[in-house]
Amino acid sequence: MREARRHERGYNQFLAKQLDEILRKETPRVGLWLDSSELNVDETVEQITADLDKAEVPGNLWKE
């Protein structure tokens, strides 16, 4: 896991695993959710471009 290889720890109250769980459970699924932790740049771009319909965020989503 990428987090295990990091020297810095940017989380005070949460472990990365706990934060990941909260985000996955409580964040609305908008756009393409992609775990790129095991992908290189080219593979990440390939995944995004292969699923552009999911990657697009509606333009009026953030308007109140």
PDB file of N, CA and C in Angstrom:
ATOM      1  N   MET A   1       0.835  -1.173   0.000  1.00  0.00           N
ATOM      2  CA  MET A   1       0.000   0.000   0.000  1.00  0.00           C
ATOM      3  C   MET A   1       0.886   1.245   0.000  1.00  0.00           C
ATOM      4  N   ARG A   2       0.505   2.223  -0.783  1.00  0.00           N
ATOM      5  CA  ARG A   2       1.285   3.445  -0.930  1.00  0.00           C
ATOM      6  C   ARG A   2       1.470   4.158   0.406  1.00  0.00           C
ATOM      7  N   GLU A   3       0.453   4.208   1.231  1.00  0.00           N
ATOM      8  CA  GLU A   3       0.523   4.920   2.515  1.00  0.00           C
ATOM      9  C   GLU A   3       1.609   4.341   3.417  1.00  0.00           C
ATOM     10  N   ALA A   4       1.784   3.048   3.380  1.00  0.00           N
ATOM     11  CA  ALA A   4       2.784   2.397   4.227  1.00  0.00           C
ATOM     12  C   ALA A   4       4.201   2.798   3.856  1.00  0.00           C
ATOM     13  N   ARG A   5       4.420   3.194   2.609  1.00  0.00           N
ATOM     14  CA  ARG A   5       5.758   3.585   2.146  1.00  0.00           C
ATOM     15  C   ARG A   5       6.078   5.051   2.423  1.00  0.00           C
ATOM     16  N   ARG A   6       5.105   5.825   2.889  1.00  0.00           N
ATOM     17  CA  ARG A   6       5.330   7.253   3.123  1.00  0.00           C
ATOM     18  C   ARG A   6       6.029   7.477   4.455  1.00  0.00           C
ATOM     19  N   HIS A   7       6.955   8.439   4.462  1.00  0.00           N
ATOM     20  CA  HIS A   7       7.643   8.807   5.693  1.00  0.00           C
ATOM     21  C   HIS A   7       6.818   9.809   6.493  1.00  0.00           C
ATOM     22  N   GLU A   8       6.163  10.719   5.803  1.00  0.00           N
ATOM     23  CA  GLU A   8       5.357  11.739   6.470  1.00  0.00           C
ATOM     24  C   GLU A   8       4.000  11.173   6.827  1.00  0.00           C
ATOM     25  N   ARG A   9       3.428  11.728   7.856  1.00  0.00           N
ATOM     26  CA  ARG A   9       2.074  11.353   8.243  1.00  0.00           C
ATOM     27  C   ARG A   9       1.262  12.634   8.310  1.00  0.00           C
ATOM     28  N   GLY A  10       0.319  12.794   7.390  1.00  0.00           N
ATOM     29  CA  GLY A  10      -0.455  14.020   7.298  1.00  0.00           C
ATOM     30  C   GLY A  10      -1.796  13.942   8.004  1.00  0.00           C
ATOM     31  N   TYR A  11      -2.024  12.881   8.724  1.00  0.00           N
ATOM     32  CA  TYR A  11      -3.316  12.691   9.367  1.00  0.00           C
ATOM     33  C   TYR A  11      -3.140  12.771  10.879  1.00  0.00           C
ATOM     34  N   ASN A  12      -3.927  13.619  11.512  1.00  0.00           N
ATOM     35  CA  ASN A  12      -3.813  13.756  12.956  1.00  0.00           C
ATOM     36  C   ASN A  12      -4.817  12.876  13.689  1.00  0.00           C
ATOM     37  N   GLN A  13      -6.083  12.994  13.341  1.00  0.00           N
ATOM     38  CA  GLN A  13      -7.119  12.262  14.057  1.00  0.00           C
ATOM     39  C   GLN A  13      -7.470  10.927  13.399  1.00  0.00           C
ATOM     40  N   PHE A  14      -7.153  10.782  12.141  1.00  0.00           N
ATOM     41  CA  PHE A  14      -7.535   9.586  11.407  1.00  0.00           C
ATOM     42  C   PHE A  14      -6.310   8.859  10.895  1.00  0.00           C
ATOM     43  N   LEU A  15      -6.399   7.574  10.858  1.00  0.00           N
ATOM     44  CA  LEU A  15      -5.451   6.806  10.070  1.00  0.00           C
ATOM     45  C   LEU A  15      -5.935   6.862   8.636  1.00  0.00           C
ATOM     46  N   ALA A  16      -5.054   6.718   7.693  1.00  0.00           N
ATOM     47  CA  ALA A  16      -5.445   6.782   6.284  1.00  0.00           C
ATOM     48  C   ALA A  16      -6.543   5.773   5.983  1.00  0.00           C
ATOM     49  N   LYS A  17      -6.466   4.586   6.561  1.00  0.00           N
ATOM     50  CA  LYS A  17      -7.474   3.557   6.315  1.00  0.00           C
ATOM     51  C   LYS A  17      -8.841   4.002   6.833  1.00  0.00           C
ATOM     52  N   GLN A  18      -8.867   4.641   8.009  1.00  0.00           N
ATOM     53  CA  GLN A  18     -10.134   5.122   8.564  1.00  0.00           C
ATOM     54  C   GLN A  18     -10.710   6.241   7.698  1.00  0.00           C
ATOM     55  N   LEU A  19      -9.868   7.156   7.276  1.00  0.00           N
ATOM     56  CA  LEU A  19     -10.318   8.253   6.426  1.00  0.00           C
ATOM     57  C   LEU A  19     -10.857   7.717   5.101  1.00  0.00           C
ATOM     58  N   ASP A  20     -10.169   6.755   4.528  1.00  0.00           N
ATOM     59  CA  ASP A  20     -10.621   6.132   3.278  1.00  0.00           C
ATOM     60  C   ASP A  20     -12.013   5.521   3.457  1.00  0.00           C
ATOM     61  N   GLU A  21     -12.222   4.832   4.552  1.00  0.00           N
ATOM     62  CA  GLU A  21     -13.522   4.200   4.810  1.00  0.00           C
ATOM     63  C   GLU A  21     -14.627   5.246   4.937  1.00  0.00           C
ATOM     64  N   ILE A  22     -14.355   6.318   5.654  1.00  0.00           N
ATOM     65  CA  ILE A  22     -15.338   7.390   5.814  1.00  0.00           C
ATOM     66  C   ILE A  22     -15.677   8.014   4.463  1.00  0.00           C
ATOM     67  N   LEU A  23     -14.648   8.320   3.689  1.00  0.00           N
ATOM     68  CA  LEU A  23     -14.879   8.934   2.377  1.00  0.00           C
ATOM     69  C   LEU A  23     -15.695   8.017   1.467  1.00  0.00           C
ATOM     70  N   ARG A  24     -15.383   6.744   1.466  1.00  0.00           N
ATOM     71  CA  ARG A  24     -16.106   5.799   0.607  1.00  0.00           C
ATOM     72  C   ARG A  24     -17.567   5.654   1.022  1.00  0.00           C
ATOM     73  N   LYS A  25     -17.841   5.712   2.317  1.00  0.00           N
ATOM     74  CA  LYS A  25     -19.206   5.514   2.807  1.00  0.00           C
ATOM     75  C   LYS A  25     -20.041   6.789   2.775  1.00  0.00           C
ATOM     76  N   GLU A  26     -19.407   7.955   2.994  1.00  0.00           N
ATOM     77  CA  GLU A  26     -20.178   9.174   3.224  1.00  0.00           C
ATOM     78  C   GLU A  26     -20.117  10.215   2.110  1.00  0.00           C
ATOM     79  N   THR A  27     -19.267  10.016   1.132  1.00  0.00           N
ATOM     80  CA  THR A  27     -19.126  10.983   0.054  1.00  0.00           C
ATOM     81  C   THR A  27     -19.970  10.559  -1.143  1.00  0.00           C
ATOM     82  N   PRO A  28     -20.794  11.467  -1.677  1.00  0.00           N
ATOM     83  CA  PRO A  28     -21.591  11.127  -2.856  1.00  0.00           C
ATOM     84  C   PRO A  28     -20.701  10.714  -4.026  1.00  0.00           C
ATOM     85  N   ARG A  29     -21.143   9.758  -4.779  1.00  0.00           N
ATOM     86  CA  ARG A  29     -20.394   9.278  -5.943  1.00  0.00           C
ATOM     87  C   ARG A  29     -20.600  10.234  -7.109  1.00  0.00           C
ATOM     88  N   VAL A  30     -19.714  11.193  -7.235  1.00  0.00           N
ATOM     89  CA  VAL A  30     -19.755  12.164  -8.326  1.00  0.00           C
ATOM     90  C   VAL A  30     -18.480  11.988  -9.129  1.00  0.00           C
ATOM     91  N   GLY A  31     -18.618  11.850 -10.419  1.00  0.00           N
ATOM     92  CA  GLY A  31     -17.438  11.662 -11.251  1.00  0.00           C
ATOM     93  C   GLY A  31     -16.896  10.242 -11.121  1.00  0.00           C
ATOM     94  N   LEU A  32     -15.727  10.038 -11.647  1.00  0.00           N
ATOM     95  CA  LEU A  32     -15.089   8.723 -11.645  1.00  0.00           C
ATOM     96  C   LEU A  32     -14.233   8.575 -10.393  1.00  0.00           C
ATOM     97  N   TRP A  33     -14.507   7.569  -9.616  1.00  0.00           N
ATOM     98  CA  TRP A  33     -13.687   7.260  -8.454  1.00  0.00           C
ATOM     99  C   TRP A  33     -12.697   6.198  -8.892  1.00  0.00           C
ATOM    100  N   LEU A  34     -11.419   6.514  -8.797  1.00  0.00           N
ATOM    101  CA  LEU A  34     -10.377   5.633  -9.312  1.00  0.00           C
ATOM    102  C   LEU A  34      -9.276   5.471  -8.276  1.00  0.00           C
ATOM    103  N   ASP A  35      -9.012   4.266  -7.884  1.00  0.00           N
ATOM    104  CA  ASP A  35      -7.897   3.974  -6.989  1.00  0.00           C
ATOM    105  C   ASP A  35      -6.657   3.822  -7.864  1.00  0.00           C
ATOM    106  N   SER A  36      -5.832   4.835  -7.848  1.00  0.00           N
ATOM    107  CA  SER A  36      -4.633   4.818  -8.697  1.00  0.00           C
ATOM    108  C   SER A  36      -3.377   4.468  -7.898  1.00  0.00           C
ATOM    109  N   SER A  37      -3.549   3.967  -6.691  1.00  0.00           N
ATOM    110  CA  SER A  37      -2.393   3.698  -5.831  1.00  0.00           C
ATOM    111  C   SER A  37      -1.444   2.655  -6.413  1.00  0.00           C
ATOM    112  N   GLU A  38      -1.948   1.779  -7.224  1.00  0.00           N
ATOM    113  CA  GLU A  38      -1.101   0.747  -7.831  1.00  0.00           C
ATOM    114  C   GLU A  38      -0.871   0.994  -9.326  1.00  0.00           C
ATOM    115  N   LEU A  39      -1.294   2.161  -9.833  1.00  0.00           N
ATOM    116  CA  LEU A  39      -1.167   2.476 -11.252  1.00  0.00           C
ATOM    117  C   LEU A  39      -0.074   3.511 -11.475  1.00  0.00           C
ATOM    118  N   ASN A  40       0.592   3.403 -12.628  1.00  0.00           N
ATOM    119  CA  ASN A  40       1.514   4.474 -13.001  1.00  0.00           C
ATOM    120  C   ASN A  40       0.717   5.556 -13.738  1.00  0.00           C
ATOM    121  N   VAL A  41       1.372   6.619 -14.158  1.00  0.00           N
ATOM    122  CA  VAL A  41       0.671   7.733 -14.795  1.00  0.00           C
ATOM    123  C   VAL A  41      -0.053   7.281 -16.064  1.00  0.00           C
ATOM    124  N   ASP A  42       0.622   6.542 -16.915  1.00  0.00           N
ATOM    125  CA  ASP A  42      -0.001   6.094 -18.160  1.00  0.00           C
ATOM    126  C   ASP A  42      -1.220   5.215 -17.908  1.00  0.00           C
ATOM    127  N   GLU A  43      -1.131   4.321 -16.929  1.00  0.00           N
ATOM    128  CA  GLU A  43      -2.263   3.454 -16.604  1.00  0.00           C
ATOM    129  C   GLU A  43      -3.434   4.262 -16.037  1.00  0.00           C
ATOM    130  N   THR A  44      -3.116   5.279 -15.243  1.00  0.00           N
ATOM    131  CA  THR A  44      -4.157   6.138 -14.682  1.00  0.00           C
ATOM    132  C   THR A  44      -4.892   6.877 -15.795  1.00  0.00           C
ATOM    133  N   VAL A  45      -4.145   7.463 -16.719  1.00  0.00           N
ATOM    134  CA  VAL A  45      -4.749   8.171 -17.849  1.00  0.00           C
ATOM    135  C   VAL A  45      -5.585   7.208 -18.678  1.00  0.00           C
ATOM    136  N   GLU A  46      -5.085   6.016 -18.887  1.00  0.00           N
ATOM    137  CA  GLU A  46      -5.824   5.014 -19.665  1.00  0.00           C
ATOM    138  C   GLU A  46      -7.159   4.678 -19.002  1.00  0.00           C
ATOM    139  N   GLN A  47      -7.156   4.505 -17.694  1.00  0.00           N
ATOM    140  CA  GLN A  47      -8.389   4.201 -16.969  1.00  0.00           C
ATOM    141  C   GLN A  47      -9.391   5.345 -17.072  1.00  0.00           C
ATOM    142  N   ILE A  48      -8.913   6.570 -16.932  1.00  0.00           N
ATOM    143  CA  ILE A  48      -9.799   7.741 -17.002  1.00  0.00           C
ATOM    144  C   ILE A  48     -10.386   7.876 -18.397  1.00  0.00           C
ATOM    145  N   THR A  49      -9.554   7.810 -19.411  1.00  0.00           N
ATOM    146  CA  THR A  49     -10.041   7.999 -20.779  1.00  0.00           C
ATOM    147  C   THR A  49     -10.925   6.842 -21.237  1.00  0.00           C
ATOM    148  N   ALA A  50     -10.759   5.672 -20.653  1.00  0.00           N
ATOM    149  CA  ALA A  50     -11.602   4.531 -21.010  1.00  0.00           C
ATOM    150  C   ALA A  50     -13.007   4.671 -20.421  1.00  0.00           C
ATOM    151  N   ASP A  51     -13.160   5.537 -19.441  1.00  0.00           N
ATOM    152  CA  ASP A  51     -14.441   5.674 -18.752  1.00  0.00           C
ATOM    153  C   ASP A  51     -14.833   7.148 -18.630  1.00  0.00           C
ATOM    154  N   LEU A  52     -14.709   7.885 -19.720  1.00  0.00           N
ATOM    155  CA  LEU A  52     -14.963   9.332 -19.689  1.00  0.00           C
ATOM    156  C   LEU A  52     -16.384   9.690 -19.275  1.00  0.00           C
ATOM    157  N   ASP A  53     -17.359   8.852 -19.614  1.00  0.00           N
ATOM    158  CA  ASP A  53     -18.741   9.152 -19.215  1.00  0.00           C
ATOM    159  C   ASP A  53     -18.870   9.240 -17.703  1.00  0.00           C
ATOM    160  N   LYS A  54     -18.190   8.345 -16.996  1.00  0.00           N
ATOM    161  CA  LYS A  54     -18.228   8.388 -15.535  1.00  0.00           C
ATOM    162  C   LYS A  54     -17.350   9.514 -14.979  1.00  0.00           C
ATOM    163  N   ALA A  55     -16.302   9.874 -15.708  1.00  0.00           N
ATOM    164  CA  ALA A  55     -15.364  10.885 -15.229  1.00  0.00           C
ATOM    165  C   ALA A  55     -15.943  12.296 -15.308  1.00  0.00           C
ATOM    166  N   GLU A  56     -16.893  12.509 -16.197  1.00  0.00           N
ATOM    167  CA  GLU A  56     -17.469  13.842 -16.366  1.00  0.00           C
ATOM    168  C   GLU A  56     -18.360  14.199 -15.188  1.00  0.00           C
ATOM    169  N   VAL A  57     -18.134  15.398 -14.652  1.00  0.00           N
ATOM    170  CA  VAL A  57     -18.956  15.910 -13.555  1.00  0.00           C
ATOM    171  C   VAL A  57     -19.932  16.911 -14.146  1.00  0.00           C
ATOM    172  N   PRO A  58     -21.212  16.743 -13.863  1.00  0.00           N
ATOM    173  CA  PRO A  58     -22.202  17.681 -14.413  1.00  0.00           C
ATOM    174  C   PRO A  58     -21.872  19.127 -14.058  1.00  0.00           C
ATOM    175  N   GLY A  59     -22.022  20.021 -15.026  1.00  0.00           N
ATOM    176  CA  GLY A  59     -21.659  21.425 -14.832  1.00  0.00           C
ATOM    177  C   GLY A  59     -22.475  22.150 -13.802  1.00  0.00           C
ATOM    178  N   ASN A  60     -23.712  21.753 -13.576  1.00  0.00           N
ATOM    179  CA  ASN A  60     -24.567  22.462 -12.627  1.00  0.00           C
ATOM    180  C   ASN A  60     -24.547  21.836 -11.236  1.00  0.00           C
ATOM    181  N   LEU A  61     -23.680  20.899 -11.006  1.00  0.00           N
ATOM    182  CA  LEU A  61     -23.657  20.174  -9.746  1.00  0.00           C
ATOM    183  C   LEU A  61     -23.376  21.079  -8.546  1.00  0.00           C
ATOM    184  N   TRP A  62     -22.499  22.050  -8.704  1.00  0.00           N
ATOM    185  CA  TRP A  62     -22.054  22.856  -7.568  1.00  0.00           C
ATOM    186  C   TRP A  62     -22.817  24.171  -7.448  1.00  0.00           C
ATOM    187  N   LYS A  63     -23.749  24.439  -8.345  1.00  0.00           N
ATOM    188  CA  LYS A  63     -24.512  25.675  -8.266  1.00  0.00           C
ATOM    189  C   LYS A  63     -25.610  25.552  -7.217  1.00  0.00           C
ATOM    190  N   GLU A  64     -25.846  26.618  -6.515  1.00  0.00           N
ATOM    191  CA  GLU A  64     -26.898  26.585  -5.479  1.00  0.00           C
ATOM    192  C   GLU A  64     -28.143  27.264  -5.966  1.00  0.00           C
TER     193      GLU A  64
END
